[in-house]
Amino acid sequence: MTQGIDVARLRSTMAALLAEYQIPSAALGVVADGEVTTVAVGDARLSPPRPATTETVYQCGSLTKTFTALAFMRLVDEGKVDLDRPVRTYLPDFAVADADTTARLTPRQLLNHTNGIEEAFGDPGEDTDVYRRMVDNIADAPQVQPLGHTHGYSAALGYAILARVMEVVEDKPWDAIMAERLFAPMGLTSTNTWREQVDPERAATGYILRSIEEGPIETPIDHLPRSYGPGGNITSTIGEVLTLARVILDGGTAPNGNRIVSATAVKEMMESRVPIPDPYMFGPYWGLGLITCDWDGHTVYAHDGSTIGQNARLRILPEQRLAIALLTNGGPRESFYKRLFNEILPEFGAPTVPELPQPDPDLVLDPSRYEGVYERPGARFEVRARDGGLGLTVFVDPEQAAFLGQPERITYPLLPVSPTHFLMPSDNPLEDTQTVAIHDFADGRARYLHTNCRLTPRTGDQ
């Protein structure tokens, strides 16, 4: 058990926060100088009640990307793939609508989300050849932004292309590669890539909160499509997520002594970085399967993940030889994880999670530089002058809005922090303040809107 943690007090704190945020359960893990503490509180399933334990299996969402990146770096170590050779080296038939991207796209640009390809892969099905189908389906996929121009998060497609490269190089399905080349050497016995591999008696049920009065309800979508596999479908326990963190903390070596990747590979994951237009949601840079955060001058590495009703948080603090992970079957709420982590971090002399910046009341902006429609498939935003400042209207999917009991258009004030960064506060008690970047000005008008790590281009005035 990790010295410095009062487990009884931690359980009490977790229980109080779970009740306040109406999250059914959480599993929290801390590793400090190789010593591990794991704690689970609440119910993995509400009806019939099933208490969460440290062996409960949660959906990791996009934290999957860190696992996939680690497996890919193992192939880099072995000389089977190169981060900077074109993807067409391994997939000769690879093509998208943009000829430059077709010719020059590299694995590095997939890992750090600078590929710019629209997620236009259609419905590739649920069979094990799904990643081959996804690559075949994007021959006409357009660019959201030019290759390498800026960071724009790819929820599924980028890591699916990486998975297809892995499949061709290893001549076996991605699921088998992950099990044989990563999970087994790391000693993971409860981590899987597909829901059918999970014991239902150990699996957490996801919950959504539509209103405080109603309380959490079971998610209507209990798993993501298989197309999200390399980017979002891994399930794991809190202890095994900490094993992932320990591989990174220990320069590529697992707790069982097996070397998973070289120390050089871990350094590459951390230090090969691209700037993030919105540095406030997570941090200022994105590496290879890791986000680089700045906590009051201390470098912290991170990745989060969400499915529809389950969430994962991982923070790695090399200076303190410390990592904290959190898995829940409700949320996500940034304020929940921050409050919980900030209860623990000071006990190890570690910096706490920074608060969002304050808006600058003296900053006077020209609304015409920002106003317009920003749109891509599945996302539409309108920025307009409002109440002497700016407002942002989010267009919500009609089916989602009906299920959540929300309007199809929600308008938020934009409070400027700088000429390109804004806070987007909400009057909904179930929402935390979000951050937005409106940036990359050409001819006096912003070209892109970046929020929740996603990049959306400006498409016009109406």
Protein backbone atom coordinates (compact mmCIF):
# COMPACT_ATOMS: atom_id res chain seq x y z
CA MET A 1 0.00 0.00 0.00
CA THR A 2 1.32 3.44 -0.94
CA GLN A 3 2.64 5.38 2.02
CA GLY A 4 0.97 8.73 2.55
CA ILE A 5 -2.53 7.62 1.60
CA ASP A 6 -5.17 7.41 4.31
CA VAL A 7 -7.37 4.80 2.60
CA ALA A 8 -10.29 5.23 4.99
CA ARG A 9 -10.36 8.99 4.39
CA LEU A 10 -9.96 8.45 0.64
CA ARG A 11 -12.95 6.10 0.59
CA SER A 12 -15.01 8.65 2.47
CA THR A 13 -14.00 11.43 0.08
CA MET A 14 -14.76 9.29 -2.96
CA ALA A 15 -18.17 8.29 -1.59
CA ALA A 16 -19.10 11.91 -0.91
CA LEU A 17 -18.04 13.05 -4.38
CA LEU A 18 -19.80 10.14 -6.09
CA ALA A 19 -23.01 11.09 -4.28
CA GLU A 20 -22.62 14.77 -5.15
CA TYR A 21 -22.02 14.08 -8.85
CA GLN A 22 -24.42 11.11 -8.98
CA ILE A 23 -21.79 8.78 -10.41
CA PRO A 24 -22.54 5.14 -9.49
CA SER A 25 -18.96 3.97 -8.88
CA ALA A 26 -15.29 4.76 -9.20
CA ALA A 27 -12.08 2.77 -9.01
CA LEU A 28 -9.01 4.81 -8.17
CA GLY A 29 -5.38 3.73 -8.27
CA VAL A 30 -2.14 5.37 -7.19
CA VAL A 31 1.41 4.19 -7.78
CA ALA A 32 4.21 6.04 -6.01
CA ASP A 33 7.80 4.81 -6.25
CA GLY A 34 6.49 1.41 -7.30
CA GLU A 35 4.05 1.05 -4.38
CA VAL A 36 0.44 0.56 -5.45
CA THR A 37 -2.86 1.45 -3.79
CA THR A 38 -6.22 0.70 -5.40
CA VAL A 39 -9.65 1.59 -4.01
CA ALA A 40 -13.15 0.98 -5.38
CA VAL A 41 -16.33 2.66 -4.10
CA GLY A 42 -19.97 2.48 -5.20
CA ASP A 43 -21.92 0.15 -7.47
CA ALA A 44 -20.70 -1.29 -10.74
CA ARG A 45 -24.37 -1.92 -11.46
CA LEU A 46 -27.32 -0.23 -9.77
CA SER A 47 -30.11 -2.74 -10.39
CA PRO A 48 -29.71 -5.34 -9.16
CA PRO A 49 -26.98 -3.78 -7.02
CA ARG A 50 -23.47 -5.10 -7.59
CA PRO A 51 -20.68 -3.37 -5.63
CA ALA A 52 -17.63 -2.19 -7.53
CA THR A 53 -14.32 -3.81 -6.61
CA THR A 54 -10.75 -3.24 -7.71
CA GLU A 55 -11.32 -6.18 -10.10
CA THR A 56 -14.29 -4.53 -11.81
CA VAL A 57 -13.71 -4.09 -15.54
CA TYR A 58 -14.44 -0.62 -16.93
CA GLN A 59 -14.45 0.74 -20.46
CA CYS A 60 -11.34 2.85 -21.03
CA GLY A 61 -12.55 4.84 -24.04
CA SER A 62 -9.78 6.82 -25.67
CA LEU A 63 -7.25 5.80 -23.04
CA THR A 64 -7.10 2.83 -25.43
CA LYS A 65 -4.93 5.04 -27.66
CA THR A 66 -2.07 4.94 -25.15
CA PHE A 67 -2.17 1.12 -25.18
CA THR A 68 -2.23 1.07 -29.00
CA ALA A 69 0.59 3.61 -29.21
CA LEU A 70 2.72 1.49 -26.87
CA ALA A 71 2.13 -1.62 -28.99
CA PHE A 72 2.99 0.33 -32.14
CA MET A 73 6.21 1.59 -30.56
CA ARG A 74 7.17 -2.02 -29.86
CA LEU A 75 7.08 -2.63 -33.61
CA VAL A 76 9.14 0.54 -34.11
CA ASP A 77 11.74 -0.81 -31.68
CA GLU A 78 11.89 -4.02 -33.70
CA GLY A 79 12.44 -2.14 -36.97
CA LYS A 80 9.19 -3.43 -38.47
CA VAL A 81 7.71 0.04 -38.89
CA ASP A 82 9.14 3.55 -39.01
CA LEU A 83 7.38 6.57 -37.53
CA ASP A 84 8.35 8.79 -40.44
CA ARG A 85 8.01 6.59 -43.50
CA PRO A 86 4.78 7.07 -45.49
CA VAL A 87 1.86 4.85 -44.55
CA ARG A 88 1.87 3.70 -48.18
CA THR A 89 5.14 1.92 -47.42
CA TYR A 90 3.03 -0.61 -45.51
CA LEU A 91 -0.37 -0.09 -47.17
CA PRO A 92 0.41 0.44 -50.88
CA ASP A 93 -3.26 0.96 -51.76
CA PHE A 94 -3.84 3.59 -49.06
CA ALA A 95 -5.55 6.68 -50.47
CA VAL A 96 -7.68 9.63 -49.40
CA ALA A 97 -9.09 12.51 -51.46
CA ASP A 98 -6.03 14.71 -50.94
CA ALA A 99 -3.08 13.57 -53.04
CA ASP A 100 -0.49 15.11 -50.71
CA THR A 101 -1.91 13.30 -47.68
CA THR A 102 -2.12 10.07 -49.64
CA ALA A 103 1.56 10.29 -50.53
CA ARG A 104 3.07 11.73 -47.35
CA LEU A 105 0.97 10.65 -44.34
CA THR A 106 3.16 9.00 -41.67
CA PRO A 107 2.44 6.97 -38.54
CA ARG A 108 3.75 9.86 -36.42
CA GLN A 109 1.00 12.11 -37.83
CA LEU A 110 -1.60 9.49 -36.96
CA LEU A 111 -0.27 9.10 -33.43
CA ASN A 112 -0.23 12.85 -32.72
CA HIS A 113 -3.51 13.71 -34.49
CA THR A 114 -2.13 15.98 -37.21
CA ASN A 115 -3.34 13.84 -40.14
CA GLY A 116 -6.35 16.10 -40.78
CA ILE A 117 -8.46 13.37 -42.45
CA GLU A 118 -12.22 13.59 -41.96
CA GLU A 119 -13.68 10.56 -40.14
CA ALA A 120 -15.60 9.57 -43.27
CA PHE A 121 -15.22 5.79 -43.07
CA GLY A 122 -18.89 4.84 -43.33
CA ASP A 123 -20.08 1.64 -41.68
CA PRO A 124 -17.25 -0.90 -41.86
CA GLY A 125 -19.16 -3.52 -39.89
CA GLU A 126 -18.32 -5.48 -36.77
CA ASP A 127 -16.11 -8.26 -38.15
CA THR A 128 -12.42 -8.69 -37.40
CA ASP A 129 -11.50 -7.21 -40.81
CA VAL A 130 -13.04 -3.88 -39.81
CA TYR A 131 -9.76 -1.93 -40.03
CA ARG A 132 -9.08 -3.14 -43.56
CA ARG A 133 -12.58 -2.02 -44.49
CA MET A 134 -12.08 1.38 -42.85
CA VAL A 135 -8.93 2.00 -44.87
CA ASP A 136 -10.70 0.88 -48.04
CA ASN A 137 -13.67 3.16 -47.28
CA ILE A 138 -11.72 6.43 -46.98
CA ALA A 139 -10.50 6.72 -50.57
CA ASP A 140 -12.72 9.81 -50.98
CA ALA A 141 -12.39 11.17 -47.43
CA PRO A 142 -11.67 14.93 -47.46
CA GLN A 143 -9.31 16.89 -45.24
CA VAL A 144 -10.52 18.88 -42.26
CA GLN A 145 -7.17 20.68 -42.44
CA PRO A 146 -3.98 20.21 -44.49
CA LEU A 147 -1.70 17.38 -43.48
CA GLY A 148 0.43 18.39 -40.49
CA HIS A 149 -1.06 21.89 -40.28
CA THR A 150 -2.33 21.69 -36.69
CA HIS A 151 -3.69 19.32 -34.07
CA GLY A 152 -7.19 17.96 -34.55
CA TYR A 153 -8.25 14.91 -32.56
CA SER A 154 -9.24 11.77 -34.48
CA ALA A 155 -11.59 9.69 -32.35
CA ALA A 156 -11.44 6.51 -34.43
CA LEU A 157 -9.92 6.76 -37.90
CA GLY A 158 -6.31 7.71 -37.17
CA TYR A 159 -5.65 4.84 -34.81
CA ALA A 160 -7.60 2.44 -37.01
CA ILE A 161 -5.13 3.19 -39.82
CA LEU A 162 -2.30 2.47 -37.39
CA ALA A 163 -4.00 -0.80 -36.48
CA ARG A 164 -4.20 -1.77 -40.14
CA VAL A 165 -0.46 -1.08 -40.53
CA MET A 166 0.15 -3.33 -37.51
CA GLU A 167 -2.04 -6.07 -39.02
CA VAL A 168 -0.18 -6.06 -42.32
CA VAL A 169 3.25 -6.02 -40.66
CA GLU A 170 2.39 -8.78 -38.17
CA ASP A 171 0.03 -10.73 -40.49
CA LYS A 172 -2.64 -11.13 -37.80
CA PRO A 173 -5.67 -9.17 -36.50
CA TRP A 174 -5.13 -6.13 -34.29
CA ASP A 175 -6.95 -7.82 -31.38
CA ALA A 176 -4.49 -10.74 -31.49
CA ILE A 177 -1.50 -8.41 -31.76
CA MET A 178 -2.57 -6.51 -28.66
CA ALA A 179 -3.15 -9.70 -26.68
CA GLU A 180 0.08 -11.43 -27.73
CA ARG A 181 2.51 -8.54 -28.12
CA LEU A 182 1.33 -6.24 -25.32
CA PHE A 183 -1.13 -7.63 -22.77
CA ALA A 184 0.61 -10.97 -22.19
CA PRO A 185 4.14 -9.54 -21.80
CA MET A 186 2.78 -6.87 -19.43
CA GLY A 187 1.06 -9.54 -17.35
CA LEU A 188 -2.44 -8.21 -18.03
CA THR A 189 -5.13 -10.86 -17.59
CA SER A 190 -8.24 -8.65 -17.35
CA THR A 191 -7.55 -6.22 -20.21
CA ASN A 192 -9.32 -6.87 -23.52
CA THR A 193 -9.99 -5.23 -26.86
CA TRP A 194 -13.57 -6.35 -27.45
CA ARG A 195 -16.64 -6.52 -25.22
CA GLU A 196 -17.35 -10.18 -25.97
CA GLN A 197 -14.10 -11.08 -24.20
CA VAL A 198 -15.28 -9.57 -20.89
CA ASP A 199 -16.93 -11.56 -18.11
CA PRO A 200 -20.33 -9.80 -17.72
CA GLU A 201 -20.25 -10.44 -13.97
CA ARG A 202 -17.14 -8.25 -13.71
CA ALA A 203 -18.12 -5.56 -16.21
CA ALA A 204 -19.31 -2.15 -15.01
CA THR A 205 -22.57 -0.87 -16.46
CA GLY A 206 -22.46 2.65 -17.87
CA TYR A 207 -24.82 5.39 -16.68
CA ILE A 208 -25.90 8.79 -17.97
CA LEU A 209 -27.20 11.70 -15.92
CA ARG A 210 -29.95 13.66 -17.64
CA SER A 211 -31.15 15.55 -14.56
CA ILE A 212 -30.38 15.76 -10.87
CA GLU A 213 -33.96 14.80 -10.05
CA GLU A 214 -34.00 11.66 -12.18
CA GLY A 215 -30.54 10.46 -11.19
CA PRO A 216 -28.31 8.16 -13.26
CA ILE A 217 -29.99 6.00 -15.88
CA GLU A 218 -28.48 3.05 -17.70
CA THR A 219 -26.85 4.01 -21.00
CA PRO A 220 -28.82 3.09 -24.11
CA ILE A 221 -25.53 2.40 -25.94
CA ASP A 222 -23.50 -0.04 -23.88
CA HIS A 223 -20.48 -0.27 -26.19
CA LEU A 224 -18.80 1.61 -29.02
CA PRO A 225 -18.70 0.17 -32.55
CA ARG A 226 -15.76 -2.07 -33.39
CA SER A 227 -14.41 0.66 -35.66
CA TYR A 228 -13.36 2.47 -32.47
CA GLY A 229 -11.32 -0.53 -31.30
CA PRO A 230 -7.71 0.79 -31.50
CA GLY A 231 -8.88 4.23 -30.38
CA GLY A 232 -11.52 3.45 -27.81
CA ASN A 233 -12.58 -0.13 -27.06
CA ILE A 234 -10.11 -1.49 -24.50
CA THR A 235 -11.60 -2.56 -21.17
CA SER A 236 -9.48 -2.97 -18.05
CA THR A 237 -9.26 -2.89 -14.28
CA ILE A 238 -7.77 -0.08 -12.24
CA GLY A 239 -4.73 -2.19 -11.34
CA GLU A 240 -3.97 -3.03 -14.95
CA VAL A 241 -4.33 0.59 -16.05
CA LEU A 242 -1.71 1.36 -13.41
CA THR A 243 0.51 -1.29 -15.01
CA LEU A 244 0.35 0.75 -18.22
CA ALA A 245 1.36 3.83 -16.24
CA ARG A 246 4.25 1.94 -14.63
CA VAL A 247 5.63 0.88 -18.02
CA ILE A 248 5.81 4.56 -18.95
CA LEU A 249 7.20 5.64 -15.58
CA ASP A 250 9.83 2.88 -15.65
CA GLY A 251 11.18 3.59 -19.12
CA GLY A 252 9.45 0.72 -20.93
CA THR A 253 9.72 -2.07 -18.34
CA ALA A 254 6.62 -3.74 -16.88
CA PRO A 255 6.29 -4.53 -13.15
CA ASN A 256 6.90 -8.22 -13.95
CA GLY A 257 10.33 -7.34 -15.29
CA ASN A 258 9.53 -7.75 -18.99
CA ARG A 259 10.81 -5.01 -21.25
CA ILE A 260 7.86 -3.87 -23.33
CA VAL A 261 9.54 -1.07 -25.28
CA SER A 262 12.88 0.67 -25.11
CA ALA A 263 13.49 3.73 -22.96
CA THR A 264 14.07 5.55 -26.25
CA ALA A 265 10.55 4.64 -27.37
CA VAL A 266 9.01 5.99 -24.16
CA LYS A 267 11.02 9.19 -24.54
CA GLU A 268 9.73 9.50 -28.11
CA MET A 269 6.15 9.11 -26.92
CA MET A 270 6.69 11.90 -24.40
CA GLU A 271 8.87 14.32 -26.34
CA SER A 272 7.64 14.12 -29.95
CA ARG A 273 5.07 16.86 -29.47
CA VAL A 274 2.78 19.13 -31.45
CA PRO A 275 1.05 22.23 -30.04
CA ILE A 276 -2.64 21.98 -29.14
CA PRO A 277 -4.65 25.06 -30.22
CA ASP A 278 -6.67 24.92 -26.96
CA PRO A 279 -4.05 24.34 -24.25
CA TYR A 280 -6.45 24.63 -21.32
CA MET A 281 -8.59 21.52 -21.52
CA PHE A 282 -5.67 19.10 -21.06
CA GLY A 283 -2.33 20.69 -21.83
CA PRO A 284 -0.31 22.59 -24.42
CA TYR A 285 1.14 19.64 -26.39
CA TRP A 286 0.15 16.24 -27.77
CA GLY A 287 2.77 13.50 -28.01
CA LEU A 288 2.54 9.95 -29.34
CA GLY A 289 -0.39 8.47 -27.44
CA LEU A 290 0.19 10.88 -24.55
CA ILE A 291 -0.85 14.46 -23.80
CA THR A 292 1.78 16.75 -22.26
CA CYS A 293 0.37 18.94 -19.49
CA ASP A 294 1.94 21.86 -17.64
CA TRP A 295 0.98 21.93 -13.97
CA ASP A 296 2.56 25.11 -12.62
CA GLY A 297 5.84 24.40 -14.38
CA HIS A 298 5.81 20.64 -13.79
CA THR A 299 5.45 18.32 -16.78
CA VAL A 300 2.65 15.78 -16.46
CA TYR A 301 1.63 13.18 -19.05
CA ALA A 302 -1.99 12.23 -19.51
CA HIS A 303 -4.71 10.59 -21.50
CA ASP A 304 -8.43 10.41 -20.87
CA GLY A 305 -11.21 8.34 -22.34
CA SER A 306 -15.00 8.31 -22.51
CA THR A 307 -17.59 5.97 -23.85
CA ILE A 308 -21.32 6.62 -23.54
CA GLY A 309 -21.58 6.19 -19.79
CA GLN A 310 -18.03 5.28 -18.68
CA ASN A 311 -14.85 7.29 -18.27
CA ALA A 312 -11.14 6.97 -17.64
CA ARG A 313 -8.47 9.39 -16.41
CA LEU A 314 -4.71 8.82 -16.24
CA ARG A 315 -2.06 11.26 -15.01
CA ILE A 316 1.66 10.41 -14.88
CA LEU A 317 4.08 12.64 -12.93
CA PRO A 318 7.66 11.48 -13.65
CA GLU A 319 9.28 14.04 -11.32
CA GLN A 320 7.43 12.54 -8.36
CA ARG A 321 7.57 8.93 -9.63
CA LEU A 322 3.79 9.06 -9.31
CA ALA A 323 0.77 8.06 -11.38
CA ILE A 324 -2.96 8.33 -10.64
CA ALA A 325 -5.72 6.59 -12.58
CA LEU A 326 -9.51 6.80 -12.25
CA LEU A 327 -12.22 4.66 -13.85
CA THR A 328 -15.92 5.47 -13.45
CA ASN A 329 -19.27 4.29 -14.80
CA GLY A 330 -20.76 7.79 -14.95
CA GLY A 331 -19.80 11.33 -15.89
CA PRO A 332 -17.60 12.70 -17.39
CA ARG A 333 -17.10 15.77 -15.20
CA GLU A 334 -13.76 17.52 -15.17
CA SER A 335 -14.51 19.04 -11.78
CA PHE A 336 -15.09 15.59 -10.25
CA TYR A 337 -11.72 14.20 -11.24
CA LYS A 338 -9.90 17.42 -10.36
CA ARG A 339 -11.37 17.58 -6.87
CA LEU A 340 -10.56 13.93 -6.22
CA PHE A 341 -7.01 14.08 -7.59
CA ASN A 342 -6.32 17.31 -5.71
CA GLU A 343 -7.14 15.49 -2.48
CA ILE A 344 -4.30 13.05 -3.17
CA LEU A 345 -1.57 14.95 -4.98
CA PRO A 346 -0.42 17.18 -2.08
CA GLU A 347 0.23 14.08 0.05
CA PHE A 348 3.13 13.30 -2.30
CA GLY A 349 4.43 16.83 -2.63
CA ALA A 350 3.04 16.91 -6.16
CA PRO A 351 1.51 19.89 -7.96
CA THR A 352 -2.26 19.97 -8.11
CA VAL A 353 -4.40 20.06 -11.25
CA PRO A 354 -4.45 23.72 -12.40
CA GLU A 355 -7.64 25.70 -12.41
CA LEU A 356 -8.86 27.23 -15.66
CA PRO A 357 -7.56 30.73 -16.39
CA GLN A 358 -9.64 33.76 -15.56
CA PRO A 359 -11.20 35.78 -18.38
CA ASP A 360 -9.64 39.14 -19.18
CA PRO A 361 -12.33 41.83 -18.66
CA ASP A 362 -10.18 44.47 -20.35
CA LEU A 363 -9.76 42.53 -23.58
CA VAL A 364 -11.73 44.16 -26.41
CA LEU A 365 -12.18 41.99 -29.50
CA ASP A 366 -13.54 42.67 -32.97
CA PRO A 367 -16.46 40.21 -33.34
CA SER A 368 -16.12 40.11 -37.13
CA ARG A 369 -12.82 38.23 -36.78
CA TYR A 370 -14.56 35.32 -35.08
CA GLU A 371 -18.15 35.29 -36.33
CA GLY A 372 -19.24 32.55 -38.70
CA VAL A 373 -20.26 28.93 -39.06
CA TYR A 374 -17.77 26.23 -38.16
CA GLU A 375 -18.86 22.84 -39.41
CA ARG A 376 -17.87 19.27 -40.19
CA PRO A 377 -19.96 16.09 -40.36
CA GLY A 378 -21.62 15.57 -37.00
CA ALA A 379 -20.58 18.97 -35.59
CA ARG A 380 -21.84 22.50 -36.20
CA PHE A 381 -21.04 25.67 -34.25
CA GLU A 382 -22.07 29.28 -34.86
CA VAL A 383 -20.15 32.19 -33.37
CA ARG A 384 -22.02 35.50 -33.22
CA ALA A 385 -21.82 38.87 -31.52
CA ARG A 386 -23.86 38.68 -28.30
CA ASP A 387 -24.45 41.02 -25.36
CA GLY A 388 -21.48 43.18 -26.22
CA GLY A 389 -19.23 40.16 -26.65
CA LEU A 390 -19.37 36.81 -28.40
CA GLY A 391 -21.59 33.76 -28.07
CA LEU A 392 -21.22 30.24 -29.39
CA THR A 393 -24.21 28.13 -30.42
CA VAL A 394 -23.79 24.35 -30.40
CA PHE A 395 -26.11 22.34 -32.65
CA VAL A 396 -27.03 19.13 -30.83
CA ASP A 397 -27.97 15.95 -32.71
CA PRO A 398 -31.80 15.82 -32.61
CA GLU A 399 -31.94 12.25 -31.31
CA GLN A 400 -29.37 13.01 -28.62
CA ALA A 401 -31.19 16.20 -27.66
CA ALA A 402 -34.50 14.34 -27.36
CA PHE A 403 -32.97 11.59 -25.21
CA LEU A 404 -31.19 14.06 -22.91
CA GLY A 405 -34.14 16.44 -22.76
CA GLN A 406 -32.06 19.28 -24.22
CA PRO A 407 -32.83 21.86 -26.90
CA GLU A 408 -31.29 21.22 -30.30
CA ARG A 409 -29.43 24.52 -30.08
CA ILE A 410 -27.58 25.65 -26.96
CA THR A 411 -25.90 29.06 -26.81
CA TYR A 412 -23.01 29.80 -24.45
CA PRO A 413 -21.20 33.08 -23.77
CA LEU A 414 -17.57 33.22 -24.86
CA LEU A 415 -15.39 34.92 -22.24
CA PRO A 416 -11.99 35.84 -23.70
CA VAL A 417 -8.79 34.76 -21.98
CA SER A 418 -6.66 35.90 -24.91
CA PRO A 419 -7.37 36.94 -28.52
CA THR A 420 -7.68 33.24 -29.44
CA HIS A 421 -8.78 31.48 -26.22
CA PHE A 422 -12.15 31.58 -24.52
CA LEU A 423 -14.05 30.13 -21.57
CA MET A 424 -17.50 28.75 -22.34
CA PRO A 425 -19.42 28.67 -19.02
CA SER A 426 -22.78 26.92 -18.73
CA ASP A 427 -25.82 27.62 -16.58
CA ASN A 428 -26.57 23.88 -16.60
CA PRO A 429 -25.53 22.44 -13.20
CA LEU A 430 -24.56 19.19 -14.94
CA GLU A 431 -21.97 20.91 -17.15
CA ASP A 432 -18.54 22.25 -16.28
CA THR A 433 -17.04 25.30 -17.97
CA GLN A 434 -15.47 24.33 -21.28
CA THR A 435 -12.62 25.96 -23.18
CA VAL A 436 -12.48 26.98 -26.83
CA ALA A 437 -9.81 28.21 -29.22
CA ILE A 438 -10.84 30.25 -32.28
CA HIS A 439 -7.66 30.69 -34.24
CA ASP A 440 -5.55 30.62 -37.40
CA PHE A 441 -6.56 33.96 -38.88
CA ALA A 442 -6.46 34.56 -42.62
CA ASP A 443 -7.74 37.74 -44.27
CA GLY A 444 -8.86 38.92 -40.85
CA ARG A 445 -11.12 35.92 -40.13
CA ALA A 446 -10.52 32.84 -37.97
CA ARG A 447 -10.23 29.61 -39.95
CA TYR A 448 -10.77 27.05 -37.19
CA LEU A 449 -12.57 26.41 -33.92
CA HIS A 450 -10.94 23.92 -31.54
CA THR A 451 -12.85 22.55 -28.53
CA ASN A 452 -12.81 19.23 -26.70
CA CYS A 453 -9.61 18.60 -28.71
CA ARG A 454 -11.63 18.48 -31.96
CA LEU A 455 -10.88 20.81 -34.86
CA THR A 456 -13.73 22.30 -36.87
CA PRO A 457 -13.12 24.51 -39.92
CA ARG A 458 -14.97 27.74 -40.62
CA THR A 459 -17.27 27.10 -43.55
CA GLY A 460 -19.04 30.43 -43.99
CA ASP A 461 -21.05 33.25 -42.51
CA GLN A 462 -24.50 31.67 -42.48
